[in-house]
Amino acid sequence: MKKLVKRWFAPALFTLAALPVAAADAPGALRHSYLVMGSKTAIIGEDGATAWEYLGGSRDGFVLPSGNILLAFSDRVEEVTRRGEVVFSYQKSAENGEIGTAQRLYNGNTLVTELGAKPRLLEVAATGAVVREVPLLPETDNVHMQTRMARQLRNGNYLVPHLLAFAIKEYTPEGKVVATFPTDAADLGGRAAQNWPFTAIRLDNGNTLTSLTHGNKVVEFNPRGEVVWKVVNEEVKGLFQDPCGAQRLANGNTVIGSHGASSGISMVELNPAKQIVWTSDHPLAAGVHHFQILTTNGQAEPGMPLK
């Protein structure tokens, strides 16, 4: 299964210094290293240097505990080393049109989302064999808009955002929907606001965080589906441009990436009071589809990434 991609790579190890972002030289300024996925795929160090770069066009991914990177592309999933060696891969099935996301699970399997005539979640073993299939109900035949950042929960269920269904659904492994979080409620602007859920993040407190990409909002729901925290574009100086990826950090802050930002600021970090505390305008993060914050001021982000 191993193959070597012949492409230039930056050094495998990245340094932890200061990222040149807005107010980066201010006392106590936040500095991050992070993995970005989109038109470019790269790890950017806290000093702003490119620590690693791979093939572009990625959609989702994680830096694994081993240091390898798991990446979802539109047609495949790959786990690659820092030297570009592919050590795991899964190609989409012929019956479906796209792959959406990928997540490495605690049992060692890889969760893959397939979009198309047979929308589904797949658990793929390290051998490449499909060991579980969960049918999805996206409520649309628009393949590209069926779903995005699906994640397995600690209880074994799966949290899946469905863009044109205007809903986040929680599925059991048997495919039963046990909870739904509508994103087209009147207090969010209704369906006309085009609040397409892109991320679906189950937080440690039981709430669910989502970025509503075309609606230019980020919303946190409690388990009853009530909005308990919301950020709209006017509160961030219009910096949301189709926000796609999002991550809740251990410090309680939320980082949001704008897929529509082809230049300028494409990533914004907000504290719970909705104040902007960090931004990135790094050229490799332009048009970011998703990302993973790896470190903050030299300290690794702890635990499973909430992204």
Protein backbone atom coordinates (compact mmCIF):
# COMPACT_ATOMS: atom_id res chain seq x y z
CA MET A 1 0.00 0.00 0.00
CA LYS A 2 2.99 2.29 0.49
CA LYS A 3 4.02 4.70 -2.22
CA LEU A 4 6.22 7.75 -2.32
CA VAL A 5 4.85 10.99 -3.71
CA LYS A 6 7.57 12.81 -5.62
CA ARG A 7 7.07 16.36 -4.46
CA TRP A 8 9.01 18.94 -2.53
CA PHE A 9 8.39 18.85 1.21
CA ALA A 10 9.49 21.27 3.88
CA PRO A 11 11.30 19.81 6.91
CA ALA A 12 9.22 17.39 8.92
CA LEU A 13 9.72 19.16 12.25
CA PHE A 14 8.34 22.64 12.71
CA THR A 15 9.53 25.36 15.04
CA LEU A 16 7.45 27.18 17.61
CA ALA A 17 7.94 30.93 17.52
CA ALA A 18 5.83 33.92 16.48
CA LEU A 19 3.29 33.88 13.66
CA PRO A 20 3.07 37.25 11.83
CA VAL A 21 -0.60 38.04 12.27
CA ALA A 22 -2.52 41.06 13.47
CA ALA A 23 -1.09 42.34 16.77
CA ALA A 24 1.31 39.39 16.96
CA ASP A 25 3.96 41.53 18.69
CA ALA A 26 1.61 42.75 21.42
CA PRO A 27 2.28 41.50 24.98
CA GLY A 28 0.51 38.21 25.55
CA ALA A 29 -0.39 37.82 21.88
CA LEU A 30 -1.58 34.40 20.78
CA ARG A 31 0.56 32.39 18.38
CA HIS A 32 -0.51 29.16 16.73
CA SER A 33 0.91 26.45 14.54
CA TYR A 34 -1.75 24.78 12.44
CA LEU A 35 -2.60 22.38 9.64
CA VAL A 36 -4.57 23.95 6.78
CA MET A 37 -6.54 22.15 4.09
CA GLY A 38 -8.05 23.69 0.98
CA SER A 39 -6.42 24.82 -2.23
CA LYS A 40 -3.18 24.28 -0.30
CA THR A 41 -2.33 21.61 2.25
CA ALA A 42 0.33 22.64 4.72
CA ILE A 43 1.50 22.89 8.31
CA ILE A 44 2.37 26.45 9.26
CA GLY A 45 4.60 27.01 12.28
CA GLU A 46 4.16 29.64 14.95
CA ASP A 47 6.92 31.59 13.18
CA GLY A 48 4.83 31.72 10.00
CA ALA A 49 7.22 29.41 8.16
CA THR A 50 5.94 26.51 6.08
CA ALA A 51 6.88 23.42 8.09
CA TRP A 52 5.34 20.91 5.67
CA GLU A 53 3.43 21.01 2.40
CA TYR A 54 1.59 18.35 0.43
CA LEU A 55 -0.79 18.06 -2.52
CA GLY A 56 -3.52 20.71 -2.65
CA GLY A 57 -7.25 20.30 -3.01
CA SER A 58 -7.77 18.65 0.38
CA ARG A 59 -11.05 18.90 2.29
CA ASP A 60 -10.52 17.54 5.79
CA GLY A 61 -7.78 16.07 7.89
CA PHE A 62 -5.95 15.62 11.16
CA VAL A 63 -2.40 15.46 12.40
CA LEU A 64 -2.35 12.03 14.06
CA PRO A 65 -0.53 11.21 17.32
CA SER A 66 2.14 9.46 15.24
CA GLY A 67 2.88 12.74 13.45
CA ASN A 68 1.41 11.45 10.20
CA ILE A 69 -1.35 13.43 8.51
CA LEU A 70 -4.73 11.98 7.57
CA LEU A 71 -6.27 13.82 4.61
CA ALA A 72 -9.55 13.63 2.71
CA PHE A 73 -9.58 14.65 -0.94
CA SER A 74 -12.61 14.64 -3.22
CA ASP A 75 -11.81 11.14 -4.51
CA ARG A 76 -9.70 9.49 -1.80
CA VAL A 77 -8.40 9.45 1.75
CA GLU A 78 -4.67 9.22 2.48
CA GLU A 79 -2.50 8.95 5.55
CA VAL A 80 0.92 10.36 4.73
CA THR A 81 4.17 10.71 6.60
CA ARG A 82 6.05 13.99 6.84
CA ARG A 83 8.26 12.66 4.02
CA GLY A 84 5.27 12.15 1.73
CA GLU A 85 5.00 8.38 2.00
CA VAL A 86 1.39 7.17 1.73
CA VAL A 87 0.85 4.50 4.41
CA PHE A 88 -2.96 4.21 4.19
CA SER A 89 -5.39 4.98 1.41
CA TYR A 90 -9.03 4.55 0.48
CA GLN A 91 -10.46 5.33 -2.95
CA LYS A 92 -14.11 6.34 -3.23
CA SER A 93 -16.55 3.74 -4.49
CA ALA A 94 -17.66 3.83 -8.13
CA GLU A 95 -21.31 4.36 -7.17
CA ASN A 96 -20.66 7.67 -5.40
CA GLY A 97 -19.34 10.97 -6.64
CA GLU A 98 -17.29 12.51 -3.83
CA ILE A 99 -15.60 11.98 -0.52
CA GLY A 100 -16.35 14.60 2.09
CA THR A 101 -14.40 13.99 5.26
CA ALA A 102 -12.17 11.59 7.17
CA GLN A 103 -11.53 10.98 10.87
CA ARG A 104 -9.28 8.42 12.57
CA LEU A 105 -11.30 6.64 15.26
CA TYR A 106 -10.20 5.33 18.64
CA ASN A 107 -10.48 1.73 17.38
CA GLY A 108 -7.97 2.47 14.61
CA ASN A 109 -10.54 2.53 11.82
CA THR A 110 -11.02 5.57 9.61
CA LEU A 111 -14.40 7.25 9.24
CA VAL A 112 -15.07 8.31 5.63
CA THR A 113 -18.05 10.21 4.24
CA GLU A 114 -19.17 9.38 0.69
CA LEU A 115 -21.58 11.64 -1.21
CA GLY A 116 -23.58 10.59 -4.23
CA ALA A 117 -26.31 8.15 -5.22
CA LYS A 118 -25.69 6.21 -2.01
CA PRO A 119 -24.74 8.79 0.63
CA ARG A 120 -23.16 7.04 3.58
CA LEU A 121 -20.60 6.88 6.33
CA LEU A 122 -17.99 4.16 6.12
CA GLU A 123 -15.64 2.78 8.72
CA VAL A 124 -12.53 1.54 6.93
CA ALA A 125 -10.03 -0.76 8.63
CA ALA A 126 -6.27 -0.30 8.34
CA THR A 127 -6.29 -2.99 5.64
CA GLY A 128 -8.61 -0.85 3.49
CA ALA A 129 -11.62 -3.12 4.08
CA VAL A 130 -14.98 -1.49 4.80
CA VAL A 131 -16.16 -2.85 8.15
CA ARG A 132 -19.25 -0.67 8.70
CA GLU A 133 -21.66 1.24 6.48
CA VAL A 134 -24.18 3.78 7.80
CA PRO A 135 -26.74 5.16 5.31
CA LEU A 136 -27.37 8.91 5.45
CA LEU A 137 -30.49 11.01 4.87
CA PRO A 138 -29.28 14.29 3.32
CA GLU A 139 -32.68 15.17 1.79
CA THR A 140 -31.14 16.19 -1.53
CA ASP A 141 -29.70 14.66 -4.70
CA ASN A 142 -27.23 17.53 -5.00
CA VAL A 143 -24.13 15.46 -4.39
CA HIS A 144 -21.79 18.29 -3.42
CA MET A 145 -24.30 19.66 -0.91
CA GLN A 146 -25.30 16.44 0.83
CA THR A 147 -22.93 16.62 3.80
CA ARG A 148 -19.54 17.73 5.06
CA MET A 149 -17.73 17.32 8.42
CA ALA A 150 -19.14 14.14 9.94
CA ARG A 151 -17.64 12.98 13.23
CA GLN A 152 -18.04 9.98 15.49
CA LEU A 153 -19.15 10.80 19.04
CA ARG A 154 -17.94 9.24 22.27
CA ASN A 155 -21.20 7.29 22.55
CA GLY A 156 -20.50 5.63 19.20
CA ASN A 157 -23.07 7.66 17.27
CA TYR A 158 -22.20 9.99 14.40
CA LEU A 159 -22.87 13.72 14.10
CA VAL A 160 -23.50 14.73 10.48
CA PRO A 161 -24.24 18.19 9.00
CA HIS A 162 -26.58 18.20 5.99
CA LEU A 163 -26.30 21.48 4.12
CA LEU A 164 -29.50 21.58 2.05
CA ALA A 165 -31.52 19.78 4.71
CA PHE A 166 -30.64 22.76 6.96
CA ALA A 167 -30.04 20.32 9.76
CA ILE A 168 -27.41 18.50 11.80
CA LYS A 169 -28.45 14.90 12.46
CA GLU A 170 -27.13 12.43 14.99
CA TYR A 171 -27.16 8.86 13.67
CA THR A 172 -26.75 5.58 15.47
CA PRO A 173 -24.43 2.97 13.89
CA GLU A 174 -27.57 1.37 12.46
CA GLY A 175 -28.51 4.59 10.64
CA LYS A 176 -31.34 5.73 12.93
CA VAL A 177 -31.62 9.50 13.48
CA VAL A 178 -31.90 10.11 17.23
CA ALA A 179 -31.48 13.91 17.31
CA THR A 180 -31.83 16.78 14.84
CA PHE A 181 -30.64 20.38 15.14
CA PRO A 182 -32.38 22.60 12.55
CA THR A 183 -30.37 25.57 11.29
CA ASP A 184 -33.21 27.39 9.51
CA ALA A 185 -35.09 28.61 12.60
CA ALA A 186 -36.64 32.06 12.51
CA ASP A 187 -34.19 33.42 15.10
CA LEU A 188 -31.33 32.43 12.77
CA GLY A 189 -32.88 34.16 9.76
CA GLY A 190 -34.94 31.28 8.41
CA ARG A 191 -34.20 29.26 5.30
CA ALA A 192 -33.69 32.41 3.22
CA ALA A 193 -30.52 33.10 5.24
CA GLN A 194 -28.97 29.96 3.68
CA ASN A 195 -27.62 28.70 6.99
CA TRP A 196 -25.98 25.60 5.54
CA PRO A 197 -24.34 23.61 8.35
CA PHE A 198 -20.79 22.68 7.45
CA THR A 199 -19.18 21.58 10.69
CA ALA A 200 -20.83 19.58 13.47
CA ILE A 201 -18.82 19.56 16.69
CA ARG A 202 -20.05 17.93 19.90
CA LEU A 203 -18.47 19.85 22.75
CA ASP A 204 -17.48 18.47 26.13
CA ASN A 205 -20.46 20.21 27.74
CA GLY A 206 -22.88 18.35 25.45
CA ASN A 207 -23.59 21.35 23.23
CA THR A 208 -23.15 21.27 19.45
CA LEU A 209 -21.11 23.90 17.60
CA THR A 210 -21.62 24.52 13.89
CA SER A 211 -20.42 26.93 11.23
CA LEU A 212 -23.23 27.95 8.86
CA THR A 213 -21.27 28.52 5.73
CA HIS A 214 -23.49 30.54 3.38
CA GLY A 215 -25.23 32.22 6.27
CA ASN A 216 -21.91 33.59 7.58
CA LYS A 217 -22.67 32.58 11.17
CA VAL A 218 -21.29 30.33 13.89
CA VAL A 219 -23.84 28.89 16.32
CA GLU A 220 -23.74 26.76 19.46
CA PHE A 221 -26.85 24.74 20.37
CA ASN A 222 -27.64 23.11 23.69
CA PRO A 223 -28.95 19.51 23.66
CA ARG A 224 -32.52 20.84 23.29
CA GLY A 225 -31.57 22.66 20.09
CA GLU A 226 -31.69 26.12 21.66
CA VAL A 227 -29.13 28.70 20.58
CA VAL A 228 -26.81 29.48 23.50
CA TRP A 229 -24.03 31.30 21.60
CA LYS A 230 -24.06 32.89 18.18
CA VAL A 231 -21.69 35.04 16.13
CA VAL A 232 -22.87 36.85 13.01
CA ASN A 233 -20.75 38.56 10.40
CA GLU A 234 -21.43 42.07 11.64
CA GLU A 235 -19.81 41.14 14.96
CA VAL A 236 -16.52 40.17 13.29
CA LYS A 237 -16.16 43.15 10.95
CA GLY A 238 -17.41 41.13 7.98
CA LEU A 239 -14.52 38.66 8.15
CA PHE A 240 -16.74 35.60 7.68
CA GLN A 241 -16.65 34.69 4.00
CA ASP A 242 -18.39 31.33 3.73
CA PRO A 243 -17.05 30.01 7.05
CA CYS A 244 -16.44 26.28 6.71
CA GLY A 245 -14.00 24.76 9.18
CA ALA A 246 -14.27 25.56 12.88
CA GLN A 247 -12.52 24.39 16.05
CA ARG A 248 -13.24 24.94 19.74
CA LEU A 249 -9.96 25.22 21.63
CA ALA A 250 -9.19 24.09 25.16
CA ASN A 251 -9.12 27.71 26.32
CA GLY A 252 -12.76 28.15 25.26
CA ASN A 253 -11.98 30.21 22.18
CA THR A 254 -13.38 29.35 18.75
CA VAL A 255 -11.37 29.49 15.51
CA ILE A 256 -13.24 29.82 12.21
CA GLY A 257 -11.85 29.52 8.68
CA SER A 258 -13.35 31.28 5.65
CA HIS A 259 -13.31 29.23 2.45
CA GLY A 260 -14.37 32.29 0.48
CA ALA A 261 -11.37 34.37 1.57
CA SER A 262 -9.01 34.02 -1.38
CA SER A 263 -6.69 36.64 0.13
CA GLY A 264 -6.36 38.65 3.32
CA ILE A 265 -7.62 37.37 6.67
CA SER A 266 -8.98 33.83 6.28
CA MET A 267 -8.92 32.59 9.89
CA VAL A 268 -10.35 34.30 12.96
CA GLU A 269 -10.20 33.32 16.63
CA LEU A 270 -12.89 34.61 18.97
CA ASN A 271 -13.09 34.41 22.74
CA PRO A 272 -16.45 33.64 24.41
CA ALA A 273 -17.17 37.39 24.53
CA LYS A 274 -16.84 37.36 20.72
CA GLN A 275 -13.72 39.50 20.71
CA ILE A 276 -11.19 38.85 17.94
CA VAL A 277 -7.99 37.63 19.63
CA TRP A 278 -6.06 36.15 16.68
CA THR A 279 -6.20 36.16 12.90
CA SER A 280 -4.26 34.58 10.05
CA ASP A 281 -3.69 36.03 6.62
CA HIS A 282 -1.07 33.44 5.67
CA PRO A 283 -1.11 32.86 1.89
CA LEU A 284 -1.17 29.07 2.33
CA ALA A 285 -4.37 29.43 4.38
CA ALA A 286 -6.22 31.40 1.69
CA GLY A 287 -9.49 29.67 0.84
CA VAL A 288 -9.11 27.34 3.82
CA HIS A 289 -11.62 24.49 3.76
CA HIS A 290 -10.70 23.12 7.16
CA PHE A 291 -7.79 23.29 9.58
CA GLN A 292 -6.43 22.03 12.89
CA ILE A 293 -4.85 24.28 15.49
CA LEU A 294 -1.85 22.31 16.77
CA THR A 295 -0.13 24.57 19.31
CA THR A 296 -0.73 27.80 21.18
CA ASN A 297 2.35 29.75 22.28
CA GLY A 298 4.47 26.62 22.19
CA GLN A 299 2.00 24.35 24.00
CA ALA A 300 0.26 21.49 22.18
CA GLU A 301 -3.52 21.69 21.98
CA PRO A 302 -4.62 18.87 24.32
CA GLY A 303 -6.96 15.97 23.67
CA MET A 304 -8.99 15.02 20.61
CA PRO A 305 -9.38 18.12 18.41
CA LEU A 306 -12.91 19.54 18.59
CA LYS A 307 -13.17 20.32 14.89
